[in-house]
Protein backbone atom coordinates (compact mmCIF):
# COMPACT_ATOMS: atom_id res chain seq x y z
CA ASN A 1 0.00 0.00 0.00
CA GLY A 2 2.99 2.31 -0.32
CA TYR A 3 3.78 2.77 3.37
CA ASP A 4 7.22 2.76 4.93
CA VAL A 5 7.04 0.36 7.86
CA LEU A 6 9.52 0.01 10.68
CA ASP A 7 9.02 -3.33 12.43
CA LEU A 8 10.47 -3.04 15.92
CA GLY A 9 10.00 -6.74 16.61
CA VAL A 10 8.53 -8.76 19.45
CA ASP A 11 8.54 -7.92 23.16
CA VAL A 12 9.98 -4.46 22.58
CA SER A 13 10.51 -2.23 25.60
CA SER A 14 8.52 0.98 25.94
CA ASP A 15 11.75 2.97 25.78
CA VAL A 16 12.45 1.57 22.31
CA PHE A 17 9.08 2.90 21.13
CA VAL A 18 9.88 6.35 22.47
CA GLU A 19 13.38 6.37 20.92
CA ASN A 20 12.02 5.36 17.51
CA ILE A 21 9.19 7.88 17.59
CA LYS A 22 11.72 10.62 18.28
CA GLU A 23 14.01 9.43 15.49
CA PHE A 24 11.55 8.49 12.74
CA LYS A 25 8.54 10.72 13.56
CA PRO A 26 5.83 8.29 12.39
CA LYS A 27 2.24 9.40 11.90
CA VAL A 28 0.81 6.02 12.93
CA ILE A 29 1.93 3.41 15.42
CA ALA A 30 0.44 -0.07 15.46
CA LEU A 31 0.73 -2.44 18.40
CA SER A 32 -0.34 -6.04 18.16
CA GLY A 33 -0.93 -8.58 20.86
CA PHE A 34 -2.64 -11.89 20.37
CA LEU A 35 -2.89 -12.82 24.04
CA THR A 36 -4.51 -10.81 26.81
CA LEU A 37 -1.09 -10.72 28.47
CA ALA A 38 -0.08 -8.09 25.90
CA PHE A 39 -2.62 -5.50 27.04
CA ASP A 40 -0.62 -4.27 30.02
CA SER A 41 2.48 -3.94 27.84
CA MET A 42 0.49 -1.93 25.30
CA LYS A 43 -0.81 0.31 28.08
CA GLU A 44 2.71 0.79 29.43
CA ALA A 45 4.11 1.66 25.99
CA ILE A 46 1.37 4.23 25.37
CA GLN A 47 1.91 5.74 28.81
CA LYS A 48 5.66 6.06 28.10
CA ILE A 49 4.82 7.78 24.81
CA LYS A 50 2.59 10.21 26.75
CA ASP A 51 5.23 10.77 29.41
CA ALA A 52 7.75 11.65 26.68
CA GLY A 53 5.36 14.30 25.34
CA LEU A 54 4.90 12.45 22.04
CA ARG A 55 1.32 11.22 22.29
CA GLU A 56 -0.26 14.12 20.42
CA SER A 57 2.09 13.62 17.47
CA VAL A 58 0.97 10.06 16.63
CA LYS A 59 -2.17 8.03 16.12
CA ILE A 60 -2.02 4.64 17.83
CA MET A 61 -3.91 1.58 16.69
CA ILE A 62 -3.91 -1.82 18.30
CA GLY A 63 -4.86 -5.23 17.04
CA GLY A 64 -4.89 -8.88 17.93
CA GLY A 65 -7.24 -11.76 18.49
CA THR A 66 -9.06 -10.47 21.55
CA VAL A 67 -8.83 -6.71 21.00
CA ASP A 68 -12.05 -4.72 21.04
CA GLU A 69 -13.22 -1.22 21.98
CA ARG A 70 -12.87 -1.95 25.69
CA ILE A 71 -9.18 -2.73 25.21
CA VAL A 72 -8.71 0.44 23.14
CA ASP A 73 -10.02 2.42 26.12
CA TYR A 74 -7.99 0.41 28.63
CA VAL A 75 -4.63 0.89 26.90
CA GLY A 76 -5.28 4.45 25.69
CA ALA A 77 -5.09 3.78 21.95
CA ASP A 78 -7.04 5.69 19.31
CA ALA A 79 -8.65 2.69 17.61
CA TYR A 80 -8.26 -0.94 16.63
CA GLY A 81 -8.42 -2.88 13.42
CA GLU A 82 -10.55 -6.01 13.45
CA SER A 83 -8.47 -7.35 10.57
CA ALA A 84 -5.30 -6.43 8.71
CA VAL A 85 -7.41 -4.88 5.95
CA ASP A 86 -9.28 -2.77 8.51
CA ALA A 87 -5.97 -1.62 10.00
CA VAL A 88 -4.63 -0.55 6.60
CA ASN A 89 -7.85 1.34 5.85
CA LEU A 90 -7.66 3.06 9.22
CA ALA A 91 -4.04 4.08 8.59
CA LYS A 92 -5.03 5.46 5.18
CA LYS A 93 -7.79 7.50 6.77
CA TRP A 94 -5.47 8.92 9.43
CA ILE A 95 -2.65 9.75 7.02
CA GLU A 96 -4.90 11.45 4.48
CA VAL A 97 -6.41 13.80 7.07
């Protein structure tokens, strides 16, 4: 779809997110977690992004098998994609605005 994607990998620390946001200045960040265990890590990463004063500069989407609107609220994300196609469409919408 023509996007530049930086894959930070699996089990990435919150500090790595902050460092990469500062360096690469993305418009959209996507976090994925298939198991419910990932929700606290997502919340922590988003809180670190806020603490670094970077939250207003990025849109954050989450995804994974058990993610829904309740989890979006819990972790402090902007939205979630029910599928990969939904996530791409959401990113397109955010970037075009």
